[in-house]
Amino acid sequence: MPAGVTAQVRLSIAASLTGSNDLGSPKLKLDDIVESLELTPGTDSTGKADLLFSDTRTLAASGTEDLDLAGVLANAFGATITAAEVVLVFIRAAEGNTNNVNVTQPAANGAPIFLAAGDGVAVKPGEYFLFQSRSGAAVTAGTGDLLTVTNSGAGAAVDYDIVVIGRSVAA
């Protein structure tokens, strides 16, 4: 088997809404929405990946860090990852956090997982953020490779888990 990442990411939504009106108690049932991202080792096409970074990190009160997706982060074996494309970013804020974990695309050199520089999301304690793209978001070393993670407030540190999956070559 070639070196690389094998992953299964699944999303399933089943929901119903009940209410009342003049004729009774209607119920709307949303059929299951099921989405799946299957990745196999490689870089030659979408649906393949060869880079995986995962970590549990801590940010001091009001702290910020820029995660460089092309040439700074190291995988579990100590090898530096240099992503050409990112297919998945998962960030989960620890349940015990007091502050949010803000994830943004910095104005300078931001990896384009959001629509524009400065865009982002606040991940509240115990919640998570997931970006996934089979085709991948392009990462350009030195000009478009940073993801900013910020502790939203003073007074307490925050912990978060992060998983980044990508390709070292654009598919």
N, C-alpha and C. Protein backbone atom coordinates (compact mmCIF):
# COMPACT_ATOMS: atom_id res chain seq x y z
N MET A 1 0.85 -1.18 0.00
CA MET A 1 0.00 0.00 0.00
C MET A 1 0.89 1.24 0.00
N PRO A 2 0.58 2.23 -0.84
CA PRO A 2 1.39 3.45 -0.84
C PRO A 2 1.24 4.22 0.47
N ALA A 3 2.29 4.97 0.82
CA ALA A 3 2.24 5.78 2.03
C ALA A 3 1.19 6.87 1.84
N GLY A 4 0.49 7.16 2.88
CA GLY A 4 -0.50 8.22 2.80
C GLY A 4 -1.57 8.07 3.85
N VAL A 5 -2.65 8.76 3.65
CA VAL A 5 -3.73 8.85 4.64
C VAL A 5 -4.94 8.05 4.15
N THR A 6 -5.48 7.26 5.04
CA THR A 6 -6.77 6.62 4.82
C THR A 6 -7.71 7.21 5.87
N ALA A 7 -8.85 7.73 5.42
CA ALA A 7 -9.77 8.38 6.36
C ALA A 7 -11.20 8.20 5.90
N GLN A 8 -12.11 8.17 6.88
CA GLN A 8 -13.54 8.16 6.63
C GLN A 8 -14.14 9.25 7.50
N VAL A 9 -14.77 10.22 6.86
CA VAL A 9 -15.44 11.30 7.57
C VAL A 9 -16.90 11.23 7.17
N ARG A 10 -17.78 11.11 8.14
CA ARG A 10 -19.20 10.95 7.84
C ARG A 10 -20.04 11.97 8.61
N LEU A 11 -21.09 12.44 7.93
CA LEU A 11 -22.05 13.34 8.54
C LEU A 11 -23.43 12.76 8.28
N SER A 12 -24.23 12.67 9.32
CA SER A 12 -25.59 12.16 9.20
C SER A 12 -26.53 13.09 9.94
N ILE A 13 -27.60 13.50 9.27
CA ILE A 13 -28.60 14.36 9.90
C ILE A 13 -29.97 13.70 9.76
N ALA A 14 -30.63 13.46 10.88
CA ALA A 14 -32.00 12.99 10.92
C ALA A 14 -32.74 13.92 11.87
N ALA A 15 -33.83 14.52 11.40
CA ALA A 15 -34.53 15.50 12.23
C ALA A 15 -36.03 15.44 11.99
N SER A 16 -36.78 15.92 12.97
CA SER A 16 -38.22 16.04 12.79
C SER A 16 -38.70 17.29 13.52
N LEU A 17 -39.78 17.83 13.03
CA LEU A 17 -40.40 19.01 13.62
C LEU A 17 -41.85 18.68 13.87
N THR A 18 -42.30 18.88 15.10
CA THR A 18 -43.71 18.67 15.42
C THR A 18 -44.33 20.00 15.83
N GLY A 19 -45.59 20.13 15.61
CA GLY A 19 -46.28 21.35 15.96
C GLY A 19 -47.77 21.10 16.04
N SER A 20 -48.50 22.17 16.03
CA SER A 20 -49.96 22.01 16.03
C SER A 20 -50.57 23.09 15.16
N ASN A 21 -51.69 22.74 14.57
CA ASN A 21 -52.47 23.71 13.81
C ASN A 21 -53.94 23.37 13.97
N ASP A 22 -54.81 24.01 13.21
CA ASP A 22 -56.26 23.81 13.37
C ASP A 22 -56.71 22.38 13.11
N LEU A 23 -55.94 21.63 12.34
CA LEU A 23 -56.37 20.29 11.95
C LEU A 23 -55.64 19.17 12.70
N GLY A 24 -54.85 19.49 13.67
CA GLY A 24 -54.20 18.43 14.41
C GLY A 24 -52.76 18.75 14.77
N SER A 25 -52.00 17.69 14.88
CA SER A 25 -50.59 17.81 15.27
C SER A 25 -49.71 17.30 14.12
N PRO A 26 -49.35 18.19 13.20
CA PRO A 26 -48.53 17.76 12.08
C PRO A 26 -47.09 17.46 12.50
N LYS A 27 -46.46 16.65 11.69
CA LYS A 27 -45.07 16.31 11.94
C LYS A 27 -44.33 16.30 10.61
N LEU A 28 -43.22 16.99 10.57
CA LEU A 28 -42.36 17.00 9.40
C LEU A 28 -41.13 16.19 9.72
N LYS A 29 -40.86 15.18 8.91
CA LYS A 29 -39.69 14.36 9.13
C LYS A 29 -38.70 14.61 7.99
N LEU A 30 -37.51 14.97 8.36
CA LEU A 30 -36.43 15.16 7.40
C LEU A 30 -35.74 13.82 7.22
N ASP A 31 -35.79 13.30 6.00
CA ASP A 31 -35.09 12.04 5.74
C ASP A 31 -33.61 12.23 6.01
N ASP A 32 -32.98 11.16 6.34
CA ASP A 32 -31.54 11.23 6.65
C ASP A 32 -30.77 11.89 5.52
N ILE A 33 -29.97 12.85 5.88
CA ILE A 33 -28.98 13.41 4.97
C ILE A 33 -27.67 12.78 5.38
N VAL A 34 -27.05 12.09 4.46
CA VAL A 34 -25.80 11.40 4.78
C VAL A 34 -24.76 11.83 3.76
N GLU A 35 -23.68 12.37 4.26
CA GLU A 35 -22.54 12.74 3.43
C GLU A 35 -21.32 11.99 3.93
N SER A 36 -20.44 11.65 3.01
CA SER A 36 -19.26 10.89 3.40
C SER A 36 -18.06 11.36 2.60
N LEU A 37 -16.95 11.51 3.27
CA LEU A 37 -15.68 11.81 2.62
C LEU A 37 -14.78 10.61 2.86
N GLU A 38 -14.44 9.91 1.81
CA GLU A 38 -13.54 8.76 1.89
C GLU A 38 -12.22 9.16 1.26
N LEU A 39 -11.15 8.99 1.99
CA LEU A 39 -9.82 9.32 1.48
C LEU A 39 -8.95 8.07 1.45
N THR A 40 -8.17 7.95 0.40
CA THR A 40 -7.21 6.86 0.27
C THR A 40 -5.82 7.46 0.06
N PRO A 41 -4.77 6.68 0.30
CA PRO A 41 -3.42 7.21 0.16
C PRO A 41 -3.11 7.67 -1.27
N GLY A 42 -2.43 8.81 -1.38
CA GLY A 42 -1.99 9.30 -2.68
C GLY A 42 -2.22 10.78 -2.84
N THR A 43 -1.84 11.29 -4.02
CA THR A 43 -1.97 12.71 -4.32
C THR A 43 -2.46 12.96 -5.73
N ASP A 44 -2.65 11.92 -6.52
CA ASP A 44 -2.90 12.10 -7.95
C ASP A 44 -4.33 12.43 -8.32
N SER A 45 -5.25 12.42 -7.36
CA SER A 45 -6.63 12.78 -7.68
C SER A 45 -7.36 13.20 -6.42
N THR A 46 -8.54 13.80 -6.62
CA THR A 46 -9.36 14.14 -5.47
C THR A 46 -9.74 12.84 -4.78
N GLY A 47 -10.01 12.93 -3.49
CA GLY A 47 -10.32 11.72 -2.72
C GLY A 47 -9.07 11.01 -2.22
N LYS A 48 -7.91 11.63 -2.44
CA LYS A 48 -6.66 11.06 -1.94
C LYS A 48 -5.94 12.08 -1.07
N ALA A 49 -5.12 11.58 -0.15
CA ALA A 49 -4.36 12.46 0.74
C ALA A 49 -3.10 11.74 1.20
N ASP A 50 -2.08 12.53 1.51
CA ASP A 50 -0.84 11.95 2.02
C ASP A 50 -0.29 12.67 3.24
N LEU A 51 -1.01 13.69 3.73
CA LEU A 51 -0.55 14.46 4.89
C LEU A 51 -1.59 14.43 5.99
N LEU A 52 -1.13 14.23 7.22
CA LEU A 52 -2.01 14.24 8.39
C LEU A 52 -1.27 14.90 9.55
N PHE A 53 -1.89 15.93 10.09
CA PHE A 53 -1.38 16.58 11.31
C PHE A 53 -2.49 16.54 12.33
N SER A 54 -2.16 16.14 13.55
CA SER A 54 -3.14 16.17 14.64
C SER A 54 -2.42 16.54 15.92
N ASP A 55 -3.13 17.26 16.78
CA ASP A 55 -2.49 17.71 18.02
C ASP A 55 -3.57 18.22 18.96
N THR A 56 -3.26 18.21 20.26
CA THR A 56 -4.03 18.93 21.26
C THR A 56 -3.16 20.10 21.66
N ARG A 57 -3.73 21.31 21.57
CA ARG A 57 -2.93 22.51 21.79
C ARG A 57 -3.58 23.38 22.87
N THR A 58 -2.77 24.24 23.48
CA THR A 58 -3.23 25.17 24.51
C THR A 58 -2.82 26.57 24.12
N LEU A 59 -3.75 27.50 24.23
CA LEU A 59 -3.47 28.92 24.01
C LEU A 59 -3.65 29.67 25.32
N ALA A 60 -2.68 30.48 25.67
CA ALA A 60 -2.77 31.31 26.87
C ALA A 60 -3.94 32.28 26.73
N ALA A 61 -4.34 32.88 27.84
CA ALA A 61 -5.41 33.88 27.81
C ALA A 61 -5.09 34.93 26.76
N SER A 62 -6.05 35.23 25.90
CA SER A 62 -5.92 36.19 24.80
C SER A 62 -4.82 35.82 23.80
N GLY A 63 -4.34 34.59 23.85
CA GLY A 63 -3.25 34.16 22.97
C GLY A 63 -3.71 33.87 21.55
N THR A 64 -2.75 33.96 20.63
CA THR A 64 -2.99 33.70 19.21
C THR A 64 -1.82 32.92 18.65
N GLU A 65 -2.13 32.00 17.72
CA GLU A 65 -1.06 31.33 16.99
C GLU A 65 -1.46 31.19 15.53
N ASP A 66 -0.47 31.34 14.66
CA ASP A 66 -0.64 31.10 13.24
C ASP A 66 -0.08 29.73 12.94
N LEU A 67 -0.92 28.84 12.47
CA LEU A 67 -0.48 27.49 12.10
C LEU A 67 -0.10 27.52 10.63
N ASP A 68 1.15 27.24 10.34
CA ASP A 68 1.67 27.26 8.98
C ASP A 68 1.49 25.87 8.37
N LEU A 69 0.61 25.77 7.40
CA LEU A 69 0.27 24.48 6.80
C LEU A 69 1.27 24.04 5.74
N ALA A 70 2.27 24.86 5.47
CA ALA A 70 3.24 24.51 4.43
C ALA A 70 4.67 24.70 4.93
N GLY A 71 5.14 23.73 5.70
CA GLY A 71 6.56 23.74 6.02
C GLY A 71 6.95 23.94 7.46
N VAL A 72 6.00 23.96 8.40
CA VAL A 72 6.36 24.16 9.81
C VAL A 72 5.82 23.04 10.71
N LEU A 73 4.55 22.67 10.56
CA LEU A 73 3.95 21.65 11.41
C LEU A 73 4.56 20.28 11.10
N ALA A 74 4.69 19.46 12.13
CA ALA A 74 5.26 18.12 11.96
C ALA A 74 4.19 17.07 12.27
N ASN A 75 4.22 15.96 11.51
CA ASN A 75 3.26 14.89 11.75
C ASN A 75 3.70 14.02 12.93
N ALA A 76 2.99 12.96 13.18
CA ALA A 76 3.26 12.09 14.33
C ALA A 76 4.63 11.41 14.26
N PHE A 77 5.22 11.36 13.07
CA PHE A 77 6.53 10.73 12.90
C PHE A 77 7.66 11.74 12.86
N GLY A 78 7.33 13.02 13.09
CA GLY A 78 8.34 14.07 13.12
C GLY A 78 8.65 14.68 11.77
N ALA A 79 7.98 14.25 10.72
CA ALA A 79 8.22 14.80 9.39
C ALA A 79 7.41 16.08 9.21
N THR A 80 8.04 17.11 8.67
CA THR A 80 7.36 18.37 8.41
C THR A 80 6.36 18.19 7.28
N ILE A 81 5.15 18.70 7.47
CA ILE A 81 4.15 18.62 6.40
C ILE A 81 4.21 19.91 5.58
N THR A 82 4.11 19.74 4.28
CA THR A 82 4.05 20.88 3.37
C THR A 82 2.88 20.64 2.44
N ALA A 83 1.76 21.21 2.80
CA ALA A 83 0.52 20.98 2.05
C ALA A 83 0.47 21.86 0.80
N ALA A 84 0.04 21.27 -0.30
CA ALA A 84 -0.30 22.01 -1.51
C ALA A 84 -1.81 22.23 -1.54
N GLU A 85 -2.54 21.31 -0.91
CA GLU A 85 -4.00 21.42 -0.77
C GLU A 85 -4.41 20.86 0.58
N VAL A 86 -5.42 21.48 1.17
CA VAL A 86 -6.00 21.00 2.42
C VAL A 86 -7.38 20.46 2.09
N VAL A 87 -7.66 19.23 2.53
CA VAL A 87 -8.97 18.64 2.27
C VAL A 87 -9.84 18.58 3.53
N LEU A 88 -9.23 18.72 4.70
CA LEU A 88 -10.00 18.69 5.93
C LEU A 88 -9.28 19.47 7.02
N VAL A 89 -10.06 20.30 7.73
CA VAL A 89 -9.59 20.95 8.96
C VAL A 89 -10.69 20.74 9.99
N PHE A 90 -10.34 20.12 11.10
CA PHE A 90 -11.27 19.87 12.20
C PHE A 90 -10.68 20.50 13.45
N ILE A 91 -11.46 21.34 14.12
CA ILE A 91 -11.03 21.95 15.38
C ILE A 91 -12.15 21.79 16.39
N ARG A 92 -11.80 21.18 17.54
CA ARG A 92 -12.76 20.96 18.62
C ARG A 92 -12.26 21.68 19.86
N ALA A 93 -13.09 22.59 20.38
CA ALA A 93 -12.77 23.31 21.61
C ALA A 93 -13.09 22.42 22.81
N ALA A 94 -12.21 22.40 23.78
CA ALA A 94 -12.42 21.58 24.97
C ALA A 94 -13.67 22.03 25.72
N GLU A 95 -14.39 21.05 26.24
CA GLU A 95 -15.63 21.31 26.99
C GLU A 95 -15.38 22.25 28.17
N GLY A 96 -14.24 22.14 28.83
CA GLY A 96 -13.95 22.93 30.02
C GLY A 96 -13.43 24.33 29.76
N ASN A 97 -13.31 24.73 28.50
CA ASN A 97 -12.85 26.08 28.20
C ASN A 97 -13.83 27.12 28.73
N THR A 98 -13.30 28.28 29.09
CA THR A 98 -14.12 29.42 29.47
C THR A 98 -14.38 30.30 28.26
N ASN A 99 -13.38 30.43 27.40
CA ASN A 99 -13.45 31.28 26.22
C ASN A 99 -13.64 30.45 24.96
N ASN A 100 -14.00 31.13 23.88
CA ASN A 100 -14.11 30.48 22.57
C ASN A 100 -12.72 30.29 21.96
N VAL A 101 -12.64 29.38 21.01
CA VAL A 101 -11.46 29.21 20.17
C VAL A 101 -11.86 29.77 18.80
N ASN A 102 -11.27 30.89 18.43
CA ASN A 102 -11.60 31.53 17.15
C ASN A 102 -10.65 31.02 16.07
N VAL A 103 -11.21 30.64 14.93
CA VAL A 103 -10.44 30.14 13.80
C VAL A 103 -10.68 31.09 12.65
N THR A 104 -9.61 31.71 12.13
CA THR A 104 -9.76 32.71 11.07
C THR A 104 -8.71 32.53 9.98
N GLN A 105 -9.04 33.12 8.84
CA GLN A 105 -8.09 33.24 7.74
C GLN A 105 -7.42 34.60 7.90
N PRO A 106 -6.13 34.63 8.21
CA PRO A 106 -5.48 35.92 8.44
C PRO A 106 -5.47 36.78 7.17
N ALA A 107 -5.37 38.09 7.38
CA ALA A 107 -5.37 39.04 6.26
C ALA A 107 -4.17 38.84 5.36
N ALA A 108 -3.05 38.48 5.93
CA ALA A 108 -1.84 38.25 5.14
C ALA A 108 -1.50 36.76 5.18
N ASN A 109 -1.31 36.18 4.03
CA ASN A 109 -0.84 34.80 3.89
C ASN A 109 -1.81 33.74 4.41
N GLY A 110 -3.09 34.01 4.38
CA GLY A 110 -4.08 33.07 4.90
C GLY A 110 -4.39 31.93 3.95
N ALA A 111 -4.48 30.72 4.50
CA ALA A 111 -4.92 29.56 3.73
C ALA A 111 -6.41 29.75 3.44
N PRO A 112 -6.84 29.59 2.20
CA PRO A 112 -8.19 29.98 1.80
C PRO A 112 -9.27 28.94 2.11
N ILE A 113 -9.50 28.69 3.39
CA ILE A 113 -10.61 27.79 3.73
C ILE A 113 -11.88 28.59 4.02
N PHE A 114 -11.76 29.91 4.11
CA PHE A 114 -12.90 30.80 4.24
C PHE A 114 -12.99 31.66 2.97
N LEU A 115 -14.08 32.40 2.80
CA LEU A 115 -14.25 33.18 1.58
C LEU A 115 -13.26 34.32 1.44
N ALA A 116 -12.91 34.96 2.56
CA ALA A 116 -12.05 36.13 2.46
C ALA A 116 -11.17 36.26 3.70
N ALA A 117 -10.11 37.02 3.54
CA ALA A 117 -9.22 37.30 4.67
C ALA A 117 -10.03 37.93 5.79
N GLY A 118 -9.78 37.50 7.00
CA GLY A 118 -10.49 38.01 8.16
C GLY A 118 -11.74 37.21 8.51
N ASP A 119 -12.23 36.39 7.57
CA ASP A 119 -13.39 35.55 7.86
C ASP A 119 -12.98 34.44 8.82
N GLY A 120 -13.95 33.95 9.59
CA GLY A 120 -13.66 32.88 10.51
C GLY A 120 -14.88 32.42 11.26
N VAL A 121 -14.63 31.65 12.29
CA VAL A 121 -15.70 31.09 13.09
C VAL A 121 -15.26 31.03 14.55
N ALA A 122 -16.20 31.28 15.46
CA ALA A 122 -15.95 31.13 16.89
C ALA A 122 -16.42 29.74 17.30
N VAL A 123 -15.51 28.94 17.83
CA VAL A 123 -15.84 27.60 18.27
C VAL A 123 -16.02 27.66 19.79
N LYS A 124 -17.26 27.52 20.23
CA LYS A 124 -17.58 27.62 21.65
C LYS A 124 -17.13 26.37 22.39
N PRO A 125 -16.95 26.47 23.71
CA PRO A 125 -16.53 25.31 24.49
C PRO A 125 -17.41 24.09 24.23
N GLY A 126 -16.76 22.95 23.96
CA GLY A 126 -17.47 21.71 23.70
C GLY A 126 -18.00 21.56 22.29
N GLU A 127 -17.77 22.55 21.44
CA GLU A 127 -18.25 22.49 20.06
C GLU A 127 -17.09 22.30 19.10
N TYR A 128 -17.42 22.13 17.81
CA TYR A 128 -16.35 21.91 16.83
C TYR A 128 -16.66 22.63 15.53
N PHE A 129 -15.61 22.77 14.72
CA PHE A 129 -15.67 23.34 13.38
C PHE A 129 -15.07 22.31 12.43
N LEU A 130 -15.72 22.12 11.28
CA LEU A 130 -15.21 21.18 10.29
C LEU A 130 -15.26 21.82 8.92
N PHE A 131 -14.11 21.85 8.25
CA PHE A 131 -14.02 22.22 6.84
C PHE A 131 -13.58 20.97 6.10
N GLN A 132 -14.27 20.66 5.00
CA GLN A 132 -13.83 19.54 4.17
C GLN A 132 -14.10 19.86 2.71
N SER A 133 -13.19 19.41 1.86
CA SER A 133 -13.31 19.64 0.43
C SER A 133 -12.58 18.52 -0.29
N ARG A 134 -13.31 17.71 -1.03
CA ARG A 134 -12.67 16.63 -1.80
C ARG A 134 -11.62 17.18 -2.76
N SER A 135 -11.96 18.30 -3.39
CA SER A 135 -11.04 18.88 -4.37
C SER A 135 -9.89 19.64 -3.71
N GLY A 136 -10.07 20.03 -2.47
CA GLY A 136 -9.00 20.68 -1.71
C GLY A 136 -8.98 22.19 -1.86
N ALA A 137 -8.53 22.84 -0.81
CA ALA A 137 -8.29 24.28 -0.83
C ALA A 137 -6.80 24.47 -1.05
N ALA A 138 -6.45 25.26 -2.05
CA ALA A 138 -5.04 25.46 -2.40
C ALA A 138 -4.28 26.12 -1.26
N VAL A 139 -3.09 25.61 -1.00
CA VAL A 139 -2.19 26.20 -0.01
C VAL A 139 -0.93 26.61 -0.77
N THR A 140 -0.51 27.85 -0.57
CA THR A 140 0.67 28.35 -1.26
C THR A 140 1.70 28.78 -0.22
N ALA A 141 2.82 28.07 -0.18
CA ALA A 141 3.87 28.36 0.81
C ALA A 141 4.28 29.84 0.73
N GLY A 142 4.29 30.50 1.89
CA GLY A 142 4.75 31.88 1.98
C GLY A 142 3.70 32.93 1.66
N THR A 143 2.65 32.57 0.91
CA THR A 143 1.65 33.58 0.56
C THR A 143 0.22 33.18 0.87
N GLY A 144 -0.04 31.91 1.14
CA GLY A 144 -1.39 31.46 1.43
C GLY A 144 -1.39 30.16 2.18
N ASP A 145 -0.75 30.17 3.36
CA ASP A 145 -0.58 28.91 4.09
C ASP A 145 -0.85 28.99 5.59
N LEU A 146 -1.40 30.09 6.07
CA LEU A 146 -1.60 30.24 7.51
C LEU A 146 -3.06 30.09 7.90
N LEU A 147 -3.27 29.52 9.08
CA LEU A 147 -4.57 29.42 9.72
C LEU A 147 -4.37 29.99 11.12
N THR A 148 -5.13 31.02 11.47
CA THR A 148 -4.97 31.67 12.77
C THR A 148 -5.97 31.09 13.77
N VAL A 149 -5.46 30.73 14.95
CA VAL A 149 -6.29 30.23 16.04
C VAL A 149 -6.06 31.15 17.23
N THR A 150 -7.16 31.66 17.81
CA THR A 150 -7.06 32.67 18.85
C THR A 150 -7.95 32.32 20.03
N ASN A 151 -7.45 32.53 21.24
CA ASN A 151 -8.25 32.47 22.45
C ASN A 151 -9.04 33.77 22.50
N SER A 152 -10.36 33.68 22.54
CA SER A 152 -11.22 34.86 22.40
C SER A 152 -11.20 35.81 23.58
N GLY A 153 -10.61 35.42 24.69
CA GLY A 153 -10.70 36.31 25.84
C GLY A 153 -9.54 36.20 26.81
N ALA A 154 -9.60 37.05 27.80
CA ALA A 154 -8.58 37.09 28.84
C ALA A 154 -9.01 36.19 30.00
N GLY A 155 -8.10 35.99 30.92
CA GLY A 155 -8.44 35.32 32.16
C GLY A 155 -8.19 33.84 32.22
N ALA A 156 -8.24 33.14 31.09
CA ALA A 156 -8.06 31.68 31.12
C ALA A 156 -7.51 31.18 29.79
N ALA A 157 -6.70 30.15 29.88
CA ALA A 157 -6.20 29.47 28.68
C ALA A 157 -7.33 28.65 28.06
N VAL A 158 -7.17 28.28 26.80
CA VAL A 158 -8.11 27.37 26.14
C VAL A 158 -7.33 26.20 25.55
N ASP A 159 -7.97 25.06 25.51
CA ASP A 159 -7.42 23.87 24.87
C ASP A 159 -8.26 23.55 23.65
N TYR A 160 -7.60 23.02 22.62
CA TYR A 160 -8.34 22.58 21.45
C TYR A 160 -7.61 21.44 20.76
N ASP A 161 -8.39 20.59 20.09
CA ASP A 161 -7.85 19.52 19.26
C ASP A 161 -7.92 19.99 17.82
N ILE A 162 -6.92 19.60 17.05
CA ILE A 162 -6.91 19.96 15.62
C ILE A 162 -6.48 18.76 14.80
N VAL A 163 -7.15 18.58 13.67
CA VAL A 163 -6.76 17.58 12.67
C VAL A 163 -6.74 18.30 11.33
N VAL A 164 -5.64 18.16 10.59
CA VAL A 164 -5.51 18.71 9.24
C VAL A 164 -5.12 17.56 8.33
N ILE A 165 -5.87 17.37 7.25
CA ILE A 165 -5.54 16.36 6.25
C ILE A 165 -5.37 17.08 4.92
N GLY A 166 -4.32 16.71 4.20
CA GLY A 166 -4.08 17.38 2.93
C GLY A 166 -3.26 16.55 1.97
N ARG A 167 -2.89 17.23 0.88
CA ARG A 167 -2.05 16.61 -0.16
C ARG A 167 -0.81 17.45 -0.34
N SER A 168 0.32 16.79 -0.53
CA SER A 168 1.57 17.50 -0.77
C SER A 168 1.70 17.95 -2.22
N VAL A 169 0.84 17.43 -3.08
CA VAL A 169 0.81 17.80 -4.50
C VAL A 169 -0.64 18.10 -4.84
N ALA A 170 -0.89 19.17 -5.60
CA ALA A 170 -2.26 19.50 -5.99
C ALA A 170 -2.80 18.41 -6.92
N ALA A 171 -4.00 17.94 -6.64
CA ALA A 171 -4.60 16.88 -7.47
C ALA A 171 -5.08 17.40 -8.80
